[in-house]
N, C-alpha and C. Protein backbone atom coordinates (compact mmCIF):
# COMPACT_ATOMS: atom_id res chain seq x y z
N MET A 1 -22.71 -16.35 -13.14
CA MET A 1 -22.00 -17.61 -13.05
C MET A 1 -21.19 -17.71 -11.76
N ILE A 2 -20.72 -16.56 -11.26
CA ILE A 2 -19.92 -16.56 -10.04
C ILE A 2 -20.71 -17.12 -8.85
N PRO A 3 -21.99 -16.76 -8.69
CA PRO A 3 -22.73 -17.33 -7.56
C PRO A 3 -22.83 -18.86 -7.62
N VAL A 4 -22.96 -19.38 -8.82
CA VAL A 4 -23.07 -20.83 -8.98
C VAL A 4 -21.76 -21.51 -8.59
N VAL A 5 -20.65 -20.96 -9.05
CA VAL A 5 -19.33 -21.53 -8.73
C VAL A 5 -19.08 -21.44 -7.23
N ALA A 6 -19.39 -20.28 -6.65
CA ALA A 6 -19.19 -20.10 -5.21
C ALA A 6 -19.98 -21.13 -4.41
N LYS A 7 -21.23 -21.33 -4.79
CA LYS A 7 -22.06 -22.29 -4.08
C LYS A 7 -21.57 -23.72 -4.30
N LEU A 8 -21.20 -24.04 -5.52
CA LEU A 8 -20.74 -25.38 -5.86
C LEU A 8 -19.51 -25.78 -5.06
N PHE A 9 -18.57 -24.84 -4.90
CA PHE A 9 -17.33 -25.13 -4.20
C PHE A 9 -17.31 -24.59 -2.76
N ASN A 10 -18.48 -24.15 -2.29
CA ASN A 10 -18.61 -23.64 -0.93
C ASN A 10 -17.61 -22.51 -0.66
N LEU A 11 -17.58 -21.54 -1.57
CA LEU A 11 -16.68 -20.39 -1.45
C LEU A 11 -17.47 -19.14 -1.12
N ASP A 12 -16.78 -18.17 -0.54
CA ASP A 12 -17.39 -16.88 -0.26
C ASP A 12 -17.62 -16.14 -1.58
N TYR A 13 -18.88 -15.82 -1.86
CA TYR A 13 -19.23 -15.16 -3.13
C TYR A 13 -18.50 -13.84 -3.31
N GLN A 14 -18.55 -12.99 -2.29
CA GLN A 14 -17.94 -11.67 -2.42
C GLN A 14 -16.41 -11.78 -2.59
N GLY A 15 -15.79 -12.64 -1.82
CA GLY A 15 -14.34 -12.84 -1.94
C GLY A 15 -13.96 -13.36 -3.32
N LEU A 16 -14.75 -14.28 -3.84
CA LEU A 16 -14.48 -14.82 -5.18
C LEU A 16 -14.64 -13.75 -6.24
N GLN A 17 -15.66 -12.94 -6.10
CA GLN A 17 -15.89 -11.86 -7.08
C GLN A 17 -14.74 -10.86 -7.06
N VAL A 18 -14.28 -10.49 -5.87
CA VAL A 18 -13.15 -9.55 -5.74
C VAL A 18 -11.90 -10.16 -6.36
N ASP A 19 -11.65 -11.42 -6.09
CA ASP A 19 -10.47 -12.09 -6.63
C ASP A 19 -10.49 -12.13 -8.15
N ILE A 20 -11.64 -12.46 -8.72
CA ILE A 20 -11.77 -12.52 -10.19
C ILE A 20 -11.59 -11.13 -10.80
N LEU A 21 -12.21 -10.13 -10.21
CA LEU A 21 -12.10 -8.77 -10.74
C LEU A 21 -10.66 -8.26 -10.64
N SER A 22 -9.99 -8.51 -9.54
CA SER A 22 -8.61 -8.05 -9.40
C SER A 22 -7.70 -8.75 -10.42
N ASP A 23 -7.90 -10.03 -10.62
CA ASP A 23 -7.12 -10.75 -11.64
C ASP A 23 -7.35 -10.17 -13.02
N LYS A 24 -8.61 -9.86 -13.33
CA LYS A 24 -8.96 -9.29 -14.63
C LYS A 24 -8.29 -7.92 -14.82
N LEU A 25 -8.35 -7.08 -13.79
CA LEU A 25 -7.72 -5.76 -13.88
C LEU A 25 -6.22 -5.88 -14.13
N LEU A 26 -5.57 -6.78 -13.40
CA LEU A 26 -4.13 -6.94 -13.57
C LEU A 26 -3.78 -7.50 -14.95
N GLU A 27 -4.51 -8.50 -15.38
CA GLU A 27 -4.22 -9.13 -16.68
C GLU A 27 -4.39 -8.14 -17.84
N GLU A 28 -5.45 -7.36 -17.78
CA GLU A 28 -5.73 -6.43 -18.88
C GLU A 28 -4.84 -5.20 -18.87
N ASN A 29 -4.19 -4.91 -17.74
CA ASN A 29 -3.43 -3.66 -17.62
C ASN A 29 -1.99 -3.85 -17.18
N LYS A 30 -1.49 -5.07 -17.18
CA LYS A 30 -0.16 -5.37 -16.65
C LYS A 30 0.98 -4.68 -17.39
N ASP A 31 0.77 -4.30 -18.62
CA ASP A 31 1.85 -3.70 -19.40
C ASP A 31 1.98 -2.20 -19.22
N TYR A 32 1.10 -1.60 -18.43
CA TYR A 32 1.17 -0.16 -18.18
C TYR A 32 2.16 0.10 -17.04
N PRO A 33 3.21 0.86 -17.31
CA PRO A 33 4.23 1.08 -16.27
C PRO A 33 3.72 1.87 -15.07
N LEU A 34 2.66 2.63 -15.22
CA LEU A 34 2.13 3.43 -14.12
C LEU A 34 0.85 2.84 -13.54
N LEU A 35 0.68 1.55 -13.68
CA LEU A 35 -0.54 0.89 -13.23
C LEU A 35 -0.79 1.11 -11.74
N ASN A 36 0.24 0.95 -10.93
CA ASN A 36 0.07 1.12 -9.48
C ASN A 36 -0.44 2.50 -9.15
N GLU A 37 0.15 3.52 -9.74
CA GLU A 37 -0.28 4.89 -9.48
C GLU A 37 -1.70 5.14 -10.00
N ALA A 38 -2.02 4.57 -11.15
CA ALA A 38 -3.35 4.74 -11.72
C ALA A 38 -4.41 4.08 -10.85
N LEU A 39 -4.10 2.91 -10.30
CA LEU A 39 -5.05 2.24 -9.41
C LEU A 39 -5.26 3.03 -8.12
N LYS A 40 -4.19 3.60 -7.59
CA LYS A 40 -4.32 4.45 -6.40
C LYS A 40 -5.21 5.65 -6.69
N GLU A 41 -5.02 6.27 -7.84
CA GLU A 41 -5.84 7.43 -8.22
C GLU A 41 -7.29 7.02 -8.41
N ALA A 42 -7.52 5.87 -9.00
CA ALA A 42 -8.89 5.38 -9.18
C ALA A 42 -9.56 5.16 -7.82
N LEU A 43 -8.83 4.61 -6.86
CA LEU A 43 -9.38 4.43 -5.52
C LEU A 43 -9.71 5.77 -4.87
N ASN A 44 -8.83 6.75 -5.04
CA ASN A 44 -9.10 8.09 -4.50
C ASN A 44 -10.37 8.68 -5.12
N LYS A 45 -10.55 8.51 -6.40
CA LYS A 45 -11.73 9.02 -7.08
C LYS A 45 -13.00 8.33 -6.57
N LEU A 46 -12.91 7.03 -6.32
CA LEU A 46 -14.06 6.30 -5.77
C LEU A 46 -14.42 6.83 -4.39
N LYS A 47 -13.41 7.09 -3.57
CA LYS A 47 -13.66 7.62 -2.22
C LYS A 47 -14.31 8.98 -2.28
N ARG A 48 -13.84 9.84 -3.19
CA ARG A 48 -14.40 11.18 -3.31
C ARG A 48 -15.82 11.16 -3.86
N ALA A 49 -16.15 10.16 -4.64
CA ALA A 49 -17.48 10.07 -5.27
C ALA A 49 -18.55 9.63 -4.27
N LYS A 50 -18.18 9.10 -3.14
CA LYS A 50 -19.15 8.60 -2.14
C LYS A 50 -19.74 9.71 -1.34
């Protein structure tokens, strides 16, 4: 559905997808007091996995 919305409103598909995913991550995890640290650790794990 994201490609359709991006095309309909002449938006960058990748940017829209990143924005939606980041909003989803924040909404679903906003009540965790260590969210910032957990996200940093997740990014480190992604870097090491490459």
